[in-house]
PDB file of all heavy atoms in Angstrom:
ATOM      1  N   ALA A   1       9.325   8.871  18.958  1.00  0.00           N
ATOM      2  CA  ALA A   1      10.389   8.263  18.150  1.00  0.00           C
ATOM      3  C   ALA A   1       9.756   7.220  17.234  1.00  0.00           C
ATOM      4  O   ALA A   1       9.734   6.026  17.536  1.00  0.00           O
ATOM      5  CB  ALA A   1      11.446   7.627  19.038  1.00  0.00           C
ATOM      6  N   GLY A   2       9.224   7.662  16.113  1.00  0.00           N
ATOM      7  CA  GLY A   2       8.550   6.754  15.201  1.00  0.00           C
ATOM      8  C   GLY A   2       9.517   5.860  14.450  1.00  0.00           C
ATOM      9  O   GLY A   2      10.723   6.105  14.390  1.00  0.00           O
ATOM     10  N   LEU A   3       8.977   4.811  13.872  1.00  0.00           N
ATOM     11  CA  LEU A   3       9.777   3.875  13.103  1.00  0.00           C
ATOM     12  C   LEU A   3      10.226   4.471  11.774  1.00  0.00           C
ATOM     13  O   LEU A   3      11.305   4.179  11.274  1.00  0.00           O
ATOM     14  CB  LEU A   3       8.968   2.593  12.856  1.00  0.00           C
ATOM     15  CG  LEU A   3       9.629   1.495  12.024  1.00  0.00           C
ATOM     16  CD1 LEU A   3      10.867   0.951  12.741  1.00  0.00           C
ATOM     17  CD2 LEU A   3       8.635   0.357  11.753  1.00  0.00           C
ATOM     18  N   TYR A   4       9.382   5.354  11.210  1.00  0.00           N
ATOM     19  CA  TYR A   4       9.663   5.915   9.893  1.00  0.00           C
ATOM     20  C   TYR A   4      10.057   7.384  10.009  1.00  0.00           C
ATOM     21  O   TYR A   4       9.418   8.153  10.719  1.00  0.00           O
ATOM     22  CB  TYR A   4       8.440   5.792   8.986  1.00  0.00           C
ATOM     23  CG  TYR A   4       7.841   4.399   8.949  1.00  0.00           C
ATOM     24  CD1 TYR A   4       6.565   4.146   9.456  1.00  0.00           C
ATOM     25  CD2 TYR A   4       8.557   3.334   8.403  1.00  0.00           C
ATOM     26  CE1 TYR A   4       6.012   2.881   9.422  1.00  0.00           C
ATOM     27  CE2 TYR A   4       8.014   2.058   8.369  1.00  0.00           C
ATOM     28  CZ  TYR A   4       6.742   1.842   8.876  1.00  0.00           C
ATOM     29  OH  TYR A   4       6.205   0.576   8.851  1.00  0.00           O
ATOM     30  N   SER A   5      11.095   7.757   9.284  1.00  0.00           N
ATOM     31  CA  SER A   5      11.523   9.158   9.299  1.00  0.00           C
ATOM     32  C   SER A   5      10.747  10.008   8.299  1.00  0.00           C
ATOM     33  O   SER A   5      10.779  11.237   8.378  1.00  0.00           O
ATOM     34  CB  SER A   5      13.022   9.243   8.986  1.00  0.00           C
ATOM     35  OG  SER A   5      13.297   8.722   7.691  1.00  0.00           O
ATOM     36  N   GLY A   6      10.050   9.372   7.376  1.00  0.00           N
ATOM     37  CA  GLY A   6       9.273  10.094   6.384  1.00  0.00           C
ATOM     38  C   GLY A   6       8.636   9.119   5.413  1.00  0.00           C
ATOM     39  O   GLY A   6       8.843   7.900   5.509  1.00  0.00           O
ATOM     40  N   PRO A   7       7.842   9.633   4.471  1.00  0.00           N
ATOM     41  CA  PRO A   7       7.162   8.763   3.517  1.00  0.00           C
ATOM     42  C   PRO A   7       8.110   7.877   2.708  1.00  0.00           C
ATOM     43  O   PRO A   7       7.837   6.686   2.519  1.00  0.00           O
ATOM     44  CB  PRO A   7       6.417   9.751   2.605  1.00  0.00           C
ATOM     45  CG  PRO A   7       6.253  10.976   3.420  1.00  0.00           C
ATOM     46  CD  PRO A   7       7.467  11.057   4.289  1.00  0.00           C
ATOM     47  N   LEU A   8       9.210   8.458   2.223  1.00  0.00           N
ATOM     48  CA  LEU A   8      10.141   7.669   1.416  1.00  0.00           C
ATOM     49  C   LEU A   8      10.795   6.567   2.241  1.00  0.00           C
ATOM     50  O   LEU A   8      11.020   5.460   1.744  1.00  0.00           O
ATOM     51  CB  LEU A   8      11.201   8.581   0.798  1.00  0.00           C
ATOM     52  CG  LEU A   8      10.701   9.562  -0.264  1.00  0.00           C
ATOM     53  CD1 LEU A   8      11.851  10.408  -0.803  1.00  0.00           C
ATOM     54  CD2 LEU A   8      10.006   8.828  -1.408  1.00  0.00           C
ATOM     55  N   ASP A   9      11.084   6.880   3.508  1.00  0.00           N
ATOM     56  CA  ASP A   9      11.662   5.862   4.379  1.00  0.00           C
ATOM     57  C   ASP A   9      10.655   4.751   4.647  1.00  0.00           C
ATOM     58  O   ASP A   9      11.025   3.579   4.740  1.00  0.00           O
ATOM     59  CB  ASP A   9      12.096   6.492   5.704  1.00  0.00           C
ATOM     60  CG  ASP A   9      12.733   5.478   6.642  1.00  0.00           C
ATOM     61  OD1 ASP A   9      13.711   4.827   6.231  1.00  0.00           O
ATOM     62  OD2 ASP A   9      12.251   5.337   7.784  1.00  0.00           O
ATOM     63  N   CYS A  10       9.381   5.123   4.762  1.00  0.00           N
ATOM     64  CA  CYS A  10       8.331   4.126   4.960  1.00  0.00           C
ATOM     65  C   CYS A  10       8.259   3.191   3.754  1.00  0.00           C
ATOM     66  O   CYS A  10       8.175   1.968   3.906  1.00  0.00           O
ATOM     67  CB  CYS A  10       6.992   4.819   5.195  1.00  0.00           C
ATOM     68  SG  CYS A  10       5.610   3.703   5.502  1.00  0.00           S
ATOM     69  N   VAL A  11       8.298   3.778   2.560  1.00  0.00           N
ATOM     70  CA  VAL A  11       8.275   2.963   1.345  1.00  0.00           C
ATOM     71  C   VAL A  11       9.486   2.047   1.302  1.00  0.00           C
ATOM     72  O   VAL A  11       9.366   0.855   0.983  1.00  0.00           O
ATOM     73  CB  VAL A  11       8.248   3.869   0.090  1.00  0.00           C
ATOM     74  CG1 VAL A  11       8.447   3.035  -1.173  1.00  0.00           C
ATOM     75  CG2 VAL A  11       6.944   4.646   0.021  1.00  0.00           C
ATOM     76  N   ARG A  12      10.642   2.601   1.636  1.00  0.00           N
ATOM     77  CA  ARG A  12      11.875   1.806   1.594  1.00  0.00           C
ATOM     78  C   ARG A  12      11.806   0.605   2.529  1.00  0.00           C
ATOM     79  O   ARG A  12      12.188  -0.511   2.160  1.00  0.00           O
ATOM     80  CB  ARG A  12      13.057   2.701   1.982  1.00  0.00           C
ATOM     81  CG  ARG A  12      14.409   2.009   1.920  1.00  0.00           C
ATOM     82  CD  ARG A  12      15.521   2.933   2.386  1.00  0.00           C
ATOM     83  NE  ARG A  12      15.343   3.331   3.778  1.00  0.00           N
ATOM     84  CZ  ARG A  12      15.687   2.557   4.817  1.00  0.00           C
ATOM     85  NH1 ARG A  12      16.228   1.357   4.617  1.00  0.00           N
ATOM     86  NH2 ARG A  12      15.501   2.972   6.050  1.00  0.00           N
ATOM     87  N   GLN A  13      11.304   0.821   3.741  1.00  0.00           N
ATOM     88  CA  GLN A  13      11.234  -0.273   4.707  1.00  0.00           C
ATOM     89  C   GLN A  13      10.211  -1.331   4.301  1.00  0.00           C
ATOM     90  O   GLN A  13      10.425  -2.529   4.501  1.00  0.00           O
ATOM     91  CB  GLN A  13      10.908   0.286   6.091  1.00  0.00           C
ATOM     92  CG  GLN A  13      12.021   1.124   6.698  1.00  0.00           C
ATOM     93  CD  GLN A  13      11.822   1.353   8.172  1.00  0.00           C
ATOM     94  OE1 GLN A  13      11.497   0.434   8.928  1.00  0.00           O
ATOM     95  NE2 GLN A  13      12.015   2.593   8.625  1.00  0.00           N
ATOM     96  N   ILE A  14       9.079  -0.878   3.728  1.00  0.00           N
ATOM     97  CA  ILE A  14       8.075  -1.843   3.276  1.00  0.00           C
ATOM     98  C   ILE A  14       8.637  -2.717   2.162  1.00  0.00           C
ATOM     99  O   ILE A  14       8.491  -3.949   2.173  1.00  0.00           O
ATOM    100  CB  ILE A  14       6.799  -1.120   2.803  1.00  0.00           C
ATOM    101  CG1 ILE A  14       6.090  -0.451   3.976  1.00  0.00           C
ATOM    102  CG2 ILE A  14       5.848  -2.111   2.119  1.00  0.00           C
ATOM    103  CD1 ILE A  14       4.904   0.402   3.572  1.00  0.00           C
ATOM    104  N   VAL A  15       9.294  -2.081   1.195  1.00  0.00           N
ATOM    105  CA  VAL A  15       9.868  -2.828   0.070  1.00  0.00           C
ATOM    106  C   VAL A  15      10.971  -3.751   0.553  1.00  0.00           C
ATOM    107  O   VAL A  15      11.101  -4.891   0.091  1.00  0.00           O
ATOM    108  CB  VAL A  15      10.395  -1.860  -1.003  1.00  0.00           C
ATOM    109  CG1 VAL A  15      11.146  -2.615  -2.097  1.00  0.00           C
ATOM    110  CG2 VAL A  15       9.240  -1.080  -1.614  1.00  0.00           C
ATOM    111  N   ARG A  16      11.790  -3.282   1.515  1.00  0.00           N
ATOM    112  CA  ARG A  16      12.881  -4.098   2.042  1.00  0.00           C
ATOM    113  C   ARG A  16      12.349  -5.320   2.781  1.00  0.00           C
ATOM    114  O   ARG A  16      12.864  -6.439   2.630  1.00  0.00           O
ATOM    115  CB  ARG A  16      13.738  -3.257   2.990  1.00  0.00           C
ATOM    116  CG  ARG A  16      14.956  -3.991   3.564  1.00  0.00           C
ATOM    117  CD  ARG A  16      15.535  -3.212   4.730  1.00  0.00           C
ATOM    118  NE  ARG A  16      14.560  -3.127   5.834  1.00  0.00           N
ATOM    119  CZ  ARG A  16      14.646  -2.242   6.825  1.00  0.00           C
ATOM    120  NH1 ARG A  16      15.615  -1.340   6.840  1.00  0.00           N
ATOM    121  NH2 ARG A  16      13.743  -2.253   7.795  1.00  0.00           N
ATOM    122  N   ASP A  17      11.330  -5.124   3.613  1.00  0.00           N
ATOM    123  CA  ASP A  17      10.836  -6.213   4.463  1.00  0.00           C
ATOM    124  C   ASP A  17       9.807  -7.103   3.781  1.00  0.00           C
ATOM    125  O   ASP A  17       9.715  -8.292   4.088  1.00  0.00           O
ATOM    126  CB  ASP A  17      10.209  -5.630   5.742  1.00  0.00           C
ATOM    127  CG  ASP A  17      11.214  -4.857   6.581  1.00  0.00           C
ATOM    128  OD1 ASP A  17      12.432  -5.110   6.428  1.00  0.00           O
ATOM    129  OD2 ASP A  17      10.788  -3.988   7.368  1.00  0.00           O
ATOM    130  N   GLU A  18       9.016  -6.534   2.857  1.00  0.00           N
ATOM    131  CA  GLU A  18       7.918  -7.292   2.271  1.00  0.00           C
ATOM    132  C   GLU A  18       7.983  -7.390   0.757  1.00  0.00           C
ATOM    133  O   GLU A  18       7.167  -8.089   0.154  1.00  0.00           O
ATOM    134  CB  GLU A  18       6.572  -6.652   2.672  1.00  0.00           C
ATOM    135  CG  GLU A  18       6.410  -6.468   4.175  1.00  0.00           C
ATOM    136  CD  GLU A  18       5.175  -5.661   4.522  1.00  0.00           C
ATOM    137  OE1 GLU A  18       4.149  -5.828   3.813  1.00  0.00           O
ATOM    138  OE2 GLU A  18       5.222  -4.873   5.481  1.00  0.00           O
ATOM    139  N   GLY A  19       8.922  -6.666   0.162  1.00  0.00           N
ATOM    140  CA  GLY A  19       8.990  -6.638  -1.287  1.00  0.00           C
ATOM    141  C   GLY A  19       7.992  -5.638  -1.856  1.00  0.00           C
ATOM    142  O   GLY A  19       7.149  -5.110  -1.132  1.00  0.00           O
ATOM    143  N   PRO A  20       8.057  -5.353  -3.167  1.00  0.00           N
ATOM    144  CA  PRO A  20       7.126  -4.398  -3.782  1.00  0.00           C
ATOM    145  C   PRO A  20       5.664  -4.767  -3.578  1.00  0.00           C
ATOM    146  O   PRO A  20       4.793  -3.907  -3.525  1.00  0.00           O
ATOM    147  CB  PRO A  20       7.508  -4.448  -5.274  1.00  0.00           C
ATOM    148  CG  PRO A  20       8.935  -4.889  -5.281  1.00  0.00           C
ATOM    149  CD  PRO A  20       9.065  -5.841  -4.135  1.00  0.00           C
ATOM    150  N   ARG A  21       5.382  -6.065  -3.448  1.00  0.00           N
ATOM    151  CA  ARG A  21       3.999  -6.484  -3.250  1.00  0.00           C
ATOM    152  C   ARG A  21       3.428  -5.978  -1.929  1.00  0.00           C
ATOM    153  O   ARG A  21       2.212  -5.879  -1.769  1.00  0.00           O
ATOM    154  CB  ARG A  21       3.907  -8.009  -3.284  1.00  0.00           C
ATOM    155  CG  ARG A  21       4.125  -8.611  -4.662  1.00  0.00           C
ATOM    156  CD  ARG A  21       3.878 -10.116  -4.654  1.00  0.00           C
ATOM    157  NE  ARG A  21       4.043 -10.690  -5.981  1.00  0.00           N
ATOM    158  CZ  ARG A  21       3.844 -11.975  -6.251  1.00  0.00           C
ATOM    159  NH1 ARG A  21       3.481 -12.808  -5.281  1.00  0.00           N
ATOM    160  NH2 ARG A  21       4.017 -12.426  -7.481  1.00  0.00           N
ATOM    161  N   GLY A  22       4.325  -5.652  -0.988  1.00  0.00           N
ATOM    162  CA  GLY A  22       3.853  -5.136   0.289  1.00  0.00           C
ATOM    163  C   GLY A  22       3.104  -3.823   0.142  1.00  0.00           C
ATOM    164  O   GLY A  22       2.249  -3.496   0.969  1.00  0.00           O
ATOM    165  N   LEU A  23       3.436  -3.064  -0.902  1.00  0.00           N
ATOM    166  CA  LEU A  23       2.752  -1.791  -1.142  1.00  0.00           C
ATOM    167  C   LEU A  23       1.363  -1.994  -1.741  1.00  0.00           C
ATOM    168  O   LEU A  23       0.558  -1.068  -1.764  1.00  0.00           O
ATOM    169  CB  LEU A  23       3.580  -0.918  -2.082  1.00  0.00           C
ATOM    170  CG  LEU A  23       4.915  -0.410  -1.536  1.00  0.00           C
ATOM    171  CD1 LEU A  23       5.728   0.232  -2.659  1.00  0.00           C
ATOM    172  CD2 LEU A  23       4.686   0.591  -0.409  1.00  0.00           C
ATOM    173  N   TYR A  24       1.111  -3.199  -2.245  1.00  0.00           N
ATOM    174  CA  TYR A  24      -0.158  -3.465  -2.924  1.00  0.00           C
ATOM    175  C   TYR A  24      -0.998  -4.522  -2.212  1.00  0.00           C
ATOM    176  O   TYR A  24      -1.839  -5.163  -2.836  1.00  0.00           O
ATOM    177  CB  TYR A  24       0.100  -3.887  -4.374  1.00  0.00           C
ATOM    178  CG  TYR A  24       0.402  -2.719  -5.272  1.00  0.00           C
ATOM    179  CD1 TYR A  24       1.707  -2.304  -5.493  1.00  0.00           C
ATOM    180  CD2 TYR A  24      -0.629  -2.003  -5.891  1.00  0.00           C
ATOM    181  CE1 TYR A  24       1.990  -1.221  -6.315  1.00  0.00           C
ATOM    182  CE2 TYR A  24      -0.358  -0.923  -6.701  1.00  0.00           C
ATOM    183  CZ  TYR A  24       0.951  -0.537  -6.910  1.00  0.00           C
ATOM    184  OH  TYR A  24       1.224   0.551  -7.709  1.00  0.00           O
ATOM    185  N   ARG A  25      -0.789  -4.667  -0.920  1.00  0.00           N
ATOM    186  CA  ARG A  25      -1.636  -5.581  -0.157  1.00  0.00           C
ATOM    187  C   ARG A  25      -3.080  -5.070  -0.181  1.00  0.00           C
ATOM    188  O   ARG A  25      -3.329  -3.900   0.057  1.00  0.00           O
ATOM    189  CB  ARG A  25      -1.144  -5.694   1.285  1.00  0.00           C
ATOM    190  CG  ARG A  25       0.169  -6.439   1.428  1.00  0.00           C
ATOM    191  CD  ARG A  25       0.517  -6.662   2.897  1.00  0.00           C
ATOM    192  NE  ARG A  25       1.792  -7.333   3.040  1.00  0.00           N
ATOM    193  CZ  ARG A  25       1.956  -8.649   2.958  1.00  0.00           C
ATOM    194  NH1 ARG A  25       0.906  -9.421   2.740  1.00  0.00           N
ATOM    195  NH2 ARG A  25       3.164  -9.183   3.105  1.00  0.00           N
ATOM    196  N   GLY A  26      -4.013  -5.964  -0.425  1.00  0.00           N
ATOM    197  CA  GLY A  26      -5.417  -5.574  -0.457  1.00  0.00           C
ATOM    198  C   GLY A  26      -5.875  -4.968  -1.769  1.00  0.00           C
ATOM    199  O   GLY A  26      -6.958  -4.388  -1.843  1.00  0.00           O
ATOM    200  N   SER A  27      -5.053  -5.094  -2.828  1.00  0.00           N
ATOM    201  CA  SER A  27      -5.397  -4.460  -4.105  1.00  0.00           C
ATOM    202  C   SER A  27      -6.687  -5.003  -4.698  1.00  0.00           C
ATOM    203  O   SER A  27      -7.520  -4.243  -5.204  1.00  0.00           O
ATOM    204  CB  SER A  27      -4.262  -4.652  -5.117  1.00  0.00           C
ATOM    205  OG  SER A  27      -3.111  -3.964  -4.713  1.00  0.00           O
ATOM    206  N   TRP A  28      -6.861  -6.334  -4.643  1.00  0.00           N
ATOM    207  CA  TRP A  28      -8.048  -6.929  -5.266  1.00  0.00           C
ATOM    208  C   TRP A  28      -9.318  -6.499  -4.543  1.00  0.00           C
ATOM    209  O   TRP A  28     -10.336  -6.217  -5.181  1.00  0.00           O
ATOM    210  CB  TRP A  28      -7.928  -8.452  -5.293  1.00  0.00           C
ATOM    211  CG  TRP A  28      -6.986  -8.943  -6.338  1.00  0.00           C
ATOM    212  CD1 TRP A  28      -5.756  -9.505  -6.144  1.00  0.00           C
ATOM    213  CD2 TRP A  28      -7.177  -8.910  -7.761  1.00  0.00           C
ATOM    214  NE1 TRP A  28      -5.164  -9.816  -7.347  1.00  0.00           N
ATOM    215  CE2 TRP A  28      -6.019  -9.455  -8.355  1.00  0.00           C
ATOM    216  CE3 TRP A  28      -8.213  -8.453  -8.579  1.00  0.00           C
ATOM    217  CZ2 TRP A  28      -5.879  -9.567  -9.737  1.00  0.00           C
ATOM    218  CZ3 TRP A  28      -8.073  -8.569  -9.959  1.00  0.00           C
ATOM    219  CH2 TRP A  28      -6.921  -9.116 -10.521  1.00  0.00           C
ATOM    220  N   ILE A  29      -9.245  -6.425  -3.213  1.00  0.00           N
ATOM    221  CA  ILE A  29     -10.411  -5.969  -2.455  1.00  0.00           C
ATOM    222  C   ILE A  29     -10.727  -4.512  -2.803  1.00  0.00           C
ATOM    223  O   ILE A  29     -11.891  -4.134  -2.978  1.00  0.00           O
ATOM    224  CB  ILE A  29     -10.158  -6.106  -0.942  1.00  0.00           C
ATOM    225  CG1 ILE A  29      -9.984  -7.581  -0.573  1.00  0.00           C
ATOM    226  CG2 ILE A  29     -11.297  -5.492  -0.143  1.00  0.00           C
ATOM    227  CD1 ILE A  29     -11.202  -8.436  -0.839  1.00  0.00           C
ATOM    228  N   THR A  30      -9.667  -3.704  -2.912  1.00  0.00           N
ATOM    229  CA  THR A  30      -9.859  -2.300  -3.271  1.00  0.00           C
ATOM    230  C   THR A  30     -10.442  -2.171  -4.670  1.00  0.00           C
ATOM    231  O   THR A  30     -11.318  -1.325  -4.917  1.00  0.00           O
ATOM    232  CB  THR A  30      -8.521  -1.544  -3.201  1.00  0.00           C
ATOM    233  OG1 THR A  30      -7.940  -1.736  -1.904  1.00  0.00           O
ATOM    234  CG2 THR A  30      -8.720  -0.058  -3.434  1.00  0.00           C
ATOM    235  N   LEU A  31      -9.990  -3.012  -5.597  1.00  0.00           N
ATOM    236  CA  LEU A  31     -10.512  -2.979  -6.961  1.00  0.00           C
ATOM    237  C   LEU A  31     -11.995  -3.355  -6.987  1.00  0.00           C
ATOM    238  O   LEU A  31     -12.806  -2.686  -7.638  1.00  0.00           O
ATOM    239  CB  LEU A  31      -9.718  -3.937  -7.853  1.00  0.00           C
ATOM    240  CG  LEU A  31     -10.185  -4.055  -9.306  1.00  0.00           C
ATOM    241  CD1 LEU A  31     -10.027  -2.722 -10.024  1.00  0.00           C
ATOM    242  CD2 LEU A  31      -9.419  -5.151 -10.026  1.00  0.00           C
ATOM    243  N   LEU A  32     -12.348  -4.414  -6.255  1.00  0.00           N
ATOM    244  CA  LEU A  32     -13.743  -4.848  -6.207  1.00  0.00           C
ATOM    245  C   LEU A  32     -14.630  -3.803  -5.535  1.00  0.00           C
ATOM    246  O   LEU A  32     -15.816  -3.698  -5.844  1.00  0.00           O
ATOM    247  CB  LEU A  32     -13.848  -6.182  -5.451  1.00  0.00           C
ATOM    248  CG  LEU A  32     -13.225  -7.400  -6.155  1.00  0.00           C
ATOM    249  CD1 LEU A  32     -13.270  -8.617  -5.239  1.00  0.00           C
ATOM    250  CD2 LEU A  32     -13.962  -7.694  -7.466  1.00  0.00           C
ATOM    251  N   ARG A  33     -14.041  -3.026  -4.637  1.00  0.00           N
ATOM    252  CA  ARG A  33     -14.800  -1.964  -3.977  1.00  0.00           C
ATOM    253  C   ARG A  33     -14.914  -0.726  -4.850  1.00  0.00           C
ATOM    254  O   ARG A  33     -16.001  -0.167  -5.022  1.00  0.00           O
ATOM    255  CB  ARG A  33     -14.121  -1.587  -2.653  1.00  0.00           C
ATOM    256  CG  ARG A  33     -14.818  -0.481  -1.883  1.00  0.00           C
ATOM    257  CD  ARG A  33     -13.895   0.104  -0.821  1.00  0.00           C
ATOM    258  NE  ARG A  33     -12.803   0.870  -1.412  1.00  0.00           N
ATOM    259  CZ  ARG A  33     -11.814   1.409  -0.700  1.00  0.00           C
ATOM    260  NH1 ARG A  33     -11.760   1.247   0.606  1.00  0.00           N
ATOM    261  NH2 ARG A  33     -10.856   2.092  -1.306  1.00  0.00           N
ATOM    262  N   ASP A  34     -13.788  -0.274  -5.411  1.00  0.00           N
ATOM    263  CA  ASP A  34     -13.751   1.039  -6.055  1.00  0.00           C
ATOM    264  C   ASP A  34     -14.308   1.059  -7.470  1.00  0.00           C
ATOM    265  O   ASP A  34     -14.862   2.079  -7.890  1.00  0.00           O
ATOM    266  CB  ASP A  34     -12.311   1.569  -6.075  1.00  0.00           C
ATOM    267  CG  ASP A  34     -11.873   2.089  -4.728  1.00  0.00           C
ATOM    268  OD1 ASP A  34     -12.640   1.933  -3.767  1.00  0.00           O
ATOM    269  OD2 ASP A  34     -10.771   2.640  -4.631  1.00  0.00           O
ATOM    270  N   SER A  35     -14.154  -0.028  -8.211  1.00  0.00           N
ATOM    271  CA  SER A  35     -14.619  -0.005  -9.595  1.00  0.00           C
ATOM    272  C   SER A  35     -16.136   0.184  -9.690  1.00  0.00           C
ATOM    273  O   SER A  35     -16.600   1.150 -10.310  1.00  0.00           O
ATOM    274  CB  SER A  35     -14.178  -1.278 -10.324  1.00  0.00           C
ATOM    275  OG  SER A  35     -14.559  -1.229 -11.683  1.00  0.00           O
ATOM    276  N   PRO A  36     -16.946  -0.677  -9.057  1.00  0.00           N
ATOM    277  CA  PRO A  36     -18.399  -0.427  -9.124  1.00  0.00           C
ATOM    278  C   PRO A  36     -18.830   0.815  -8.353  1.00  0.00           C
ATOM    279  O   PRO A  36     -19.809   1.465  -8.725  1.00  0.00           O
ATOM    280  CB  PRO A  36     -19.005  -1.700  -8.512  1.00  0.00           C
ATOM    281  CG  PRO A  36     -17.939  -2.274  -7.660  1.00  0.00           C
ATOM    282  CD  PRO A  36     -16.650  -1.936  -8.347  1.00  0.00           C
ATOM    283  N   THR A  37     -18.081   1.145  -7.287  1.00  0.00           N
ATOM    284  CA  THR A  37     -18.425   2.347  -6.528  1.00  0.00           C
ATOM    285  C   THR A  37     -18.284   3.593  -7.385  1.00  0.00           C
ATOM    286  O   THR A  37     -19.137   4.487  -7.347  1.00  0.00           O
ATOM    287  CB  THR A  37     -17.523   2.472  -5.289  1.00  0.00           C
ATOM    288  OG1 THR A  37     -17.750   1.353  -4.426  1.00  0.00           O
ATOM    289  CG2 THR A  37     -17.817   3.748  -4.511  1.00  0.00           C
ATOM    290  N   MET A  38     -17.218   3.671  -8.175  1.00  0.00           N
ATOM    291  CA  MET A  38     -17.036   4.823  -9.057  1.00  0.00           C
ATOM    292  C   MET A  38     -18.069   4.823 -10.183  1.00  0.00           C
ATOM    293  O   MET A  38     -18.473   5.883 -10.663  1.00  0.00           O
ATOM    294  CB  MET A  38     -15.621   4.829  -9.643  1.00  0.00           C
ATOM    295  CG  MET A  38     -14.537   5.228  -8.664  1.00  0.00           C
ATOM    296  SD  MET A  38     -14.735   6.926  -8.042  1.00  0.00           S
ATOM    297  CE  MET A  38     -15.408   6.611  -6.414  1.00  0.00           C
ATOM    298  N   GLY A  39     -18.502   3.630 -10.605  1.00  0.00           N
ATOM    299  CA  GLY A  39     -19.577   3.568 -11.590  1.00  0.00           C
ATOM    300  C   GLY A  39     -20.841   4.198 -11.046  1.00  0.00           C
ATOM    301  O   GLY A  39     -21.498   5.006 -11.719  1.00  0.00           O
ATOM    302  N   LEU A  40     -21.188   3.882  -9.809  1.00  0.00           N
ATOM    303  CA  LEU A  40     -22.364   4.474  -9.167  1.00  0.00           C
ATOM    304  C   LEU A  40     -22.148   5.958  -8.887  1.00  0.00           C
ATOM    305  O   LEU A  40     -23.077   6.766  -8.997  1.00  0.00           O
ATOM    306  CB  LEU A  40     -22.678   3.731  -7.861  1.00  0.00           C
ATOM    307  CG  LEU A  40     -23.180   2.300  -8.007  1.00  0.00           C
ATOM    308  CD1 LEU A  40     -23.288   1.628  -6.636  1.00  0.00           C
ATOM    309  CD2 LEU A  40     -24.537   2.278  -8.719  1.00  0.00           C
TER     310      LEU A  40
END
């Protein structure tokens, strides 16, 4: 009996509980990792 019924429900709960920024937690770390990594 999972908390989420599907991907859209997961998105809905994240946005409801944490706001849209909840979907982008860790963005700066990911940017610092992926930008030079893709260059290499």
